Amino acid sequence: MTLHWLWYVLAALLVIVGIVGSVLPALPGVPLVFIGLLLAAWADDFQHVGAWTLILLGALAVLAIAIDFIAGVLGAKKVGASRQAVIGAALGTLVGIFLGLPGIVFGPFVGALLGELLAGGTWRKAGGVGVGAWLGFVVGSLAKLGLCGVMLGIFAFAFALG
C-alpha cells in the first residue's frame, strides 16, 4: 500500500469518527468530518474537489457547529424560559464541553434548570425548561448528523464530477 492510499484511509477514518462524534457529543464530530474531507481532497491534489467545494463544506461545518450551540438555548426559549434560563442553557452547554460526555449531555438541562430557579421559577417550570433545553440539544445533534450527510453528499458529487 502506498503512502497515497494511507492518506485516503486516514481521511475515511476521520470522517467515520466525525460522524460518530456528531451523535456522541464527546467528540468534535463536524470538524473531524471536514478535516477528513479536506485530507481526501488534498490526497487527490485537489483534482476532483476544488476550493469552492471546500469553502462550501467549511461553511456547512460552521453552520452545523452554530446550530449545535444554539439549539439548546432555543429549546429552552421555546418552552417559555426566562432570560436567566436561556443564559443558563448557554453556559451549561459551554461548561459541559469541559466535563466530558455527561457534562455535554446534561449541561444544557442543568444550566437551564438553575437559571430558571434563579429567576424565581418553580421546580416544575424549571424542570420543563430543562427538558426543553435538552430536547434542543437532541435536535441540534440530529441537525449536525444531517449536515454531515449533506457534506458527504456534496463531496461525493464533486469527486464524481471532477
C-alpha atoms as a PDB file:
ATOM      1  CA  MET A   1       0.000   0.000   0.000  1.00  0.00           C
ATOM      2  CA  THR A   2       1.486   3.332  -0.976  1.00  0.00           C
ATOM      3  CA  LEU A   3       1.550   6.408   1.173  1.00  0.00           C
ATOM      4  CA  HIS A   4      -1.062   7.908  -1.154  1.00  0.00           C
ATOM      5  CA  TRP A   5      -3.642   5.309  -0.128  1.00  0.00           C
ATOM      6  CA  LEU A   6      -2.782   5.735   3.548  1.00  0.00           C
ATOM      7  CA  TRP A   7      -3.948   9.342   3.273  1.00  0.00           C
ATOM      8  CA  TYR A   8      -7.298   8.117   1.952  1.00  0.00           C
ATOM      9  CA  VAL A   9      -7.575   5.586   4.764  1.00  0.00           C
ATOM     10  CA  LEU A  10      -6.807   8.274   7.345  1.00  0.00           C
ATOM     11  CA  ALA A  11      -9.341  10.605   5.702  1.00  0.00           C
ATOM     12  CA  ALA A  12     -12.001   7.881   5.807  1.00  0.00           C
ATOM     13  CA  LEU A  13     -11.243   7.169   9.479  1.00  0.00           C
ATOM     14  CA  LEU A  14     -11.556  10.852  10.316  1.00  0.00           C
ATOM     15  CA  VAL A  15     -14.908  11.030   8.538  1.00  0.00           C
ATOM     16  CA  ILE A  16     -16.195   7.907  10.302  1.00  0.00           C
ATOM     17  CA  VAL A  17     -15.070   9.117  13.732  1.00  0.00           C
ATOM     18  CA  GLY A  18     -16.558  12.521  12.902  1.00  0.00           C
ATOM     19  CA  ILE A  19     -19.934  11.027  12.059  1.00  0.00           C
ATOM     20  CA  VAL A  20     -19.896   9.081  15.314  1.00  0.00           C
ATOM     21  CA  GLY A  21     -18.924  12.332  17.072  1.00  0.00           C
ATOM     22  CA  SER A  22     -21.955  14.043  15.569  1.00  0.00           C
ATOM     23  CA  VAL A  23     -24.125  11.730  17.635  1.00  0.00           C
ATOM     24  CA  LEU A  24     -21.850  11.203  20.638  1.00  0.00           C
ATOM     25  CA  PRO A  25     -21.046  14.679  21.884  1.00  0.00           C
ATOM     26  CA  ALA A  26     -17.693  13.777  23.429  1.00  0.00           C
ATOM     27  CA  LEU A  27     -16.021  14.050  20.003  1.00  0.00           C
ATOM     28  CA  PRO A  28     -15.747  17.141  17.777  1.00  0.00           C
ATOM     29  CA  GLY A  29     -17.717  15.422  15.021  1.00  0.00           C
ATOM     30  CA  VAL A  30     -18.272  18.069  12.373  1.00  0.00           C
ATOM     31  CA  PRO A  31     -14.693  19.406  12.404  1.00  0.00           C
ATOM     32  CA  LEU A  32     -13.376  15.846  12.066  1.00  0.00           C
ATOM     33  CA  VAL A  33     -15.653  15.202   9.073  1.00  0.00           C
ATOM     34  CA  PHE A  34     -14.466  18.424   7.446  1.00  0.00           C
ATOM     35  CA  ILE A  35     -10.790  17.648   8.118  1.00  0.00           C
ATOM     36  CA  GLY A  36     -11.257  14.144   6.701  1.00  0.00           C
ATOM     37  CA  LEU A  37     -12.836  15.511   3.528  1.00  0.00           C
ATOM     38  CA  LEU A  38     -10.133  18.156   3.228  1.00  0.00           C
ATOM     39  CA  LEU A  39      -7.461  15.475   3.636  1.00  0.00           C
ATOM     40  CA  ALA A  40      -9.080  13.335   0.925  1.00  0.00           C
ATOM     41  CA  ALA A  41      -9.185  16.323  -1.437  1.00  0.00           C
ATOM     42  CA  TRP A  42      -5.533  17.095  -0.654  1.00  0.00           C
ATOM     43  CA  ALA A  43      -4.526  13.454  -1.213  1.00  0.00           C
ATOM     44  CA  ASP A  44      -6.057  13.790  -4.677  1.00  0.00           C
ATOM     45  CA  ASP A  45      -4.111  17.032  -5.282  1.00  0.00           C
ATOM     46  CA  PHE A  46      -7.468  18.864  -5.377  1.00  0.00           C
ATOM     47  CA  GLN A  47      -8.086  17.463  -8.863  1.00  0.00           C
ATOM     48  CA  HIS A  48     -11.655  16.335  -8.142  1.00  0.00           C
ATOM     49  CA  VAL A  49     -12.642  18.573  -5.247  1.00  0.00           C
ATOM     50  CA  GLY A  50     -11.605  22.193  -5.556  1.00  0.00           C
ATOM     51  CA  ALA A  51     -11.571  25.340  -3.485  1.00  0.00           C
ATOM     52  CA  TRP A  52     -15.218  26.312  -3.991  1.00  0.00           C
ATOM     53  CA  THR A  53     -16.452  22.920  -2.866  1.00  0.00           C
ATOM     54  CA  LEU A  54     -14.180  23.045   0.174  1.00  0.00           C
ATOM     55  CA  ILE A  55     -15.394  26.555   1.016  1.00  0.00           C
ATOM     56  CA  LEU A  56     -18.977  25.285   0.837  1.00  0.00           C
ATOM     57  CA  LEU A  57     -18.105  22.314   3.037  1.00  0.00           C
ATOM     58  CA  GLY A  58     -16.391  24.631   5.521  1.00  0.00           C
ATOM     59  CA  ALA A  59     -19.440  26.901   5.614  1.00  0.00           C
ATOM     60  CA  LEU A  60     -21.675  23.886   6.280  1.00  0.00           C
ATOM     61  CA  ALA A  61     -19.340  22.784   9.076  1.00  0.00           C
ATOM     62  CA  VAL A  62     -19.525  26.223  10.697  1.00  0.00           C
ATOM     63  CA  LEU A  63     -23.322  26.186  10.318  1.00  0.00           C
ATOM     64  CA  ALA A  64     -23.520  22.769  11.983  1.00  0.00           C
ATOM     65  CA  ILE A  65     -21.393  23.931  14.912  1.00  0.00           C
ATOM     66  CA  ALA A  66     -23.529  27.061  15.327  1.00  0.00           C
ATOM     67  CA  ILE A  67     -26.752  25.051  15.197  1.00  0.00           C
ATOM     68  CA  ASP A  68     -25.425  22.677  17.826  1.00  0.00           C
ATOM     69  CA  PHE A  69     -24.602  25.533  20.178  1.00  0.00           C
ATOM     70  CA  ILE A  70     -27.829  27.479  19.605  1.00  0.00           C
ATOM     71  CA  ALA A  71     -30.241  24.530  19.673  1.00  0.00           C
ATOM     72  CA  GLY A  72     -30.174  24.063  23.450  1.00  0.00           C
ATOM     73  CA  VAL A  73     -30.780  27.751  24.003  1.00  0.00           C
ATOM     74  CA  LEU A  74     -33.682  27.804  21.547  1.00  0.00           C
ATOM     75  CA  GLY A  75     -35.141  24.653  23.089  1.00  0.00           C
ATOM     76  CA  ALA A  76     -35.290  26.389  26.459  1.00  0.00           C
ATOM     77  CA  LYS A  77     -36.707  29.558  24.940  1.00  0.00           C
ATOM     78  CA  LYS A  78     -39.430  27.602  23.112  1.00  0.00           C
ATOM     79  CA  VAL A  79     -40.933  26.407  26.411  1.00  0.00           C
ATOM     80  CA  GLY A  80     -41.110  29.915  27.869  1.00  0.00           C
ATOM     81  CA  ALA A  81     -37.801  30.071  29.682  1.00  0.00           C
ATOM     82  CA  SER A  82     -36.721  33.221  31.430  1.00  0.00           C
ATOM     83  CA  ARG A  83     -33.725  35.209  30.228  1.00  0.00           C
ATOM     84  CA  GLN A  84     -31.676  33.675  33.048  1.00  0.00           C
ATOM     85  CA  ALA A  85     -32.657  30.148  31.958  1.00  0.00           C
ATOM     86  CA  VAL A  86     -31.618  30.854  28.364  1.00  0.00           C
ATOM     87  CA  ILE A  87     -28.279  32.190  29.597  1.00  0.00           C
ATOM     88  CA  GLY A  88     -28.022  29.166  31.908  1.00  0.00           C
ATOM     89  CA  ALA A  89     -28.603  26.780  28.987  1.00  0.00           C
ATOM     90  CA  ALA A  90     -25.841  28.509  27.011  1.00  0.00           C
ATOM     91  CA  LEU A  91     -23.448  28.439  29.981  1.00  0.00           C
ATOM     92  CA  GLY A  92     -24.383  24.828  30.757  1.00  0.00           C
ATOM     93  CA  THR A  93     -23.531  23.887  27.186  1.00  0.00           C
ATOM     94  CA  LEU A  94     -20.155  25.659  27.372  1.00  0.00           C
ATOM     95  CA  VAL A  95     -19.235  24.247  30.767  1.00  0.00           C
ATOM     96  CA  GLY A  96     -20.477  20.810  29.755  1.00  0.00           C
ATOM     97  CA  ILE A  97     -17.929  20.664  26.965  1.00  0.00           C
ATOM     98  CA  PHE A  98     -15.169  20.509  29.584  1.00  0.00           C
ATOM     99  CA  LEU A  99     -16.907  17.842  31.693  1.00  0.00           C
ATOM    100  CA  GLY A 100     -16.962  15.070  29.130  1.00  0.00           C
ATOM    101  CA  LEU A 101     -19.967  13.132  27.898  1.00  0.00           C
ATOM    102  CA  PRO A 102     -22.174  13.582  30.983  1.00  0.00           C
ATOM    103  CA  GLY A 103     -21.493  17.313  31.019  1.00  0.00           C
ATOM    104  CA  ILE A 104     -22.259  17.702  27.356  1.00  0.00           C
ATOM    105  CA  VAL A 105     -25.468  15.691  27.575  1.00  0.00           C
ATOM    106  CA  PHE A 106     -26.770  17.217  30.813  1.00  0.00           C
ATOM    107  CA  GLY A 107     -25.122  20.657  30.713  1.00  0.00           C
ATOM    108  CA  PRO A 108     -27.927  22.414  28.803  1.00  0.00           C
ATOM    109  CA  PHE A 109     -30.549  20.819  31.073  1.00  0.00           C
ATOM    110  CA  VAL A 110     -28.805  21.714  34.329  1.00  0.00           C
ATOM    111  CA  GLY A 111     -27.916  25.230  33.165  1.00  0.00           C
ATOM    112  CA  ALA A 112     -31.479  25.997  32.091  1.00  0.00           C
ATOM    113  CA  LEU A 113     -32.913  24.471  35.258  1.00  0.00           C
ATOM    114  CA  LEU A 114     -30.644  26.504  37.532  1.00  0.00           C
ATOM    115  CA  GLY A 115     -31.201  29.668  35.517  1.00  0.00           C
ATOM    116  CA  GLU A 116     -34.975  29.304  35.772  1.00  0.00           C
ATOM    117  CA  LEU A 117     -34.759  28.651  39.519  1.00  0.00           C
ATOM    118  CA  LEU A 118     -32.569  31.750  39.944  1.00  0.00           C
ATOM    119  CA  ALA A 119     -35.195  33.747  38.064  1.00  0.00           C
ATOM    120  CA  GLY A 120     -37.768  32.683  40.650  1.00  0.00           C
ATOM    121  CA  GLY A 121     -39.417  29.910  38.666  1.00  0.00           C
ATOM    122  CA  THR A 122     -40.940  26.875  40.318  1.00  0.00           C
ATOM    123  CA  TRP A 123     -39.265  23.485  40.254  1.00  0.00           C
ATOM    124  CA  ARG A 124     -41.951  22.308  37.834  1.00  0.00           C
ATOM    125  CA  LYS A 125     -41.369  25.141  35.388  1.00  0.00           C
ATOM    126  CA  ALA A 126     -37.592  24.844  35.787  1.00  0.00           C
ATOM    127  CA  GLY A 127     -37.814  21.114  35.025  1.00  0.00           C
ATOM    128  CA  GLY A 128     -39.847  21.837  31.888  1.00  0.00           C
ATOM    129  CA  VAL A 129     -37.345  24.456  30.796  1.00  0.00           C
ATOM    130  CA  GLY A 130     -34.503  21.994  31.407  1.00  0.00           C
ATOM    131  CA  VAL A 131     -36.253  19.360  29.302  1.00  0.00           C
ATOM    132  CA  GLY A 132     -36.772  21.965  26.550  1.00  0.00           C
ATOM    133  CA  ALA A 133     -33.057  22.759  26.580  1.00  0.00           C
ATOM    134  CA  TRP A 134     -32.216  19.044  26.460  1.00  0.00           C
ATOM    135  CA  LEU A 135     -34.597  18.476  23.537  1.00  0.00           C
ATOM    136  CA  GLY A 136     -32.909  21.389  21.779  1.00  0.00           C
ATOM    137  CA  PHE A 137     -29.616  19.584  22.308  1.00  0.00           C
ATOM    138  CA  VAL A 138     -31.058  16.406  20.732  1.00  0.00           C
ATOM    139  CA  VAL A 139     -32.426  18.368  17.761  1.00  0.00           C
ATOM    140  CA  GLY A 140     -29.034  20.055  17.378  1.00  0.00           C
ATOM    141  CA  SER A 141     -27.305  16.662  17.331  1.00  0.00           C
ATOM    142  CA  LEU A 142     -29.682  15.403  14.644  1.00  0.00           C
ATOM    143  CA  ALA A 143     -29.097  18.577  12.618  1.00  0.00           C
ATOM    144  CA  LYS A 144     -25.327  18.032  12.871  1.00  0.00           C
ATOM    145  CA  LEU A 145     -25.714  14.473  11.680  1.00  0.00           C
ATOM    146  CA  GLY A 146     -27.861  15.627   8.770  1.00  0.00           C
ATOM    147  CA  LEU A 147     -25.400  18.336   7.767  1.00  0.00           C
ATOM    148  CA  CYS A 148     -22.552  15.810   7.895  1.00  0.00           C
ATOM    149  CA  GLY A 149     -24.565  13.696   5.462  1.00  0.00           C
ATOM    150  CA  VAL A 150     -25.030  16.715   3.190  1.00  0.00           C
ATOM    151  CA  MET A 151     -21.291  17.425   3.359  1.00  0.00           C
ATOM    152  CA  LEU A 152     -20.511  13.836   2.364  1.00  0.00           C
ATOM    153  CA  GLY A 153     -23.017  14.018  -0.482  1.00  0.00           C
ATOM    154  CA  ILE A 154     -21.560  17.260  -1.817  1.00  0.00           C
ATOM    155  CA  PHE A 155     -18.036  15.850  -1.592  1.00  0.00           C
ATOM    156  CA  ALA A 156     -19.022  12.624  -3.371  1.00  0.00           C
ATOM    157  CA  PHE A 157     -20.853  14.574  -6.080  1.00  0.00           C
ATOM    158  CA  ALA A 158     -17.891  16.914  -6.621  1.00  0.00           C
ATOM    159  CA  PHE A 159     -15.454  13.993  -6.641  1.00  0.00           C
ATOM    160  CA  ALA A 160     -17.545  12.117  -9.216  1.00  0.00           C
ATOM    161  CA  LEU A 161     -17.847  15.178 -11.477  1.00  0.00           C
ATOM    162  CA  GLY A 162     -14.272  16.364 -11.042  1.00  0.00           C
END
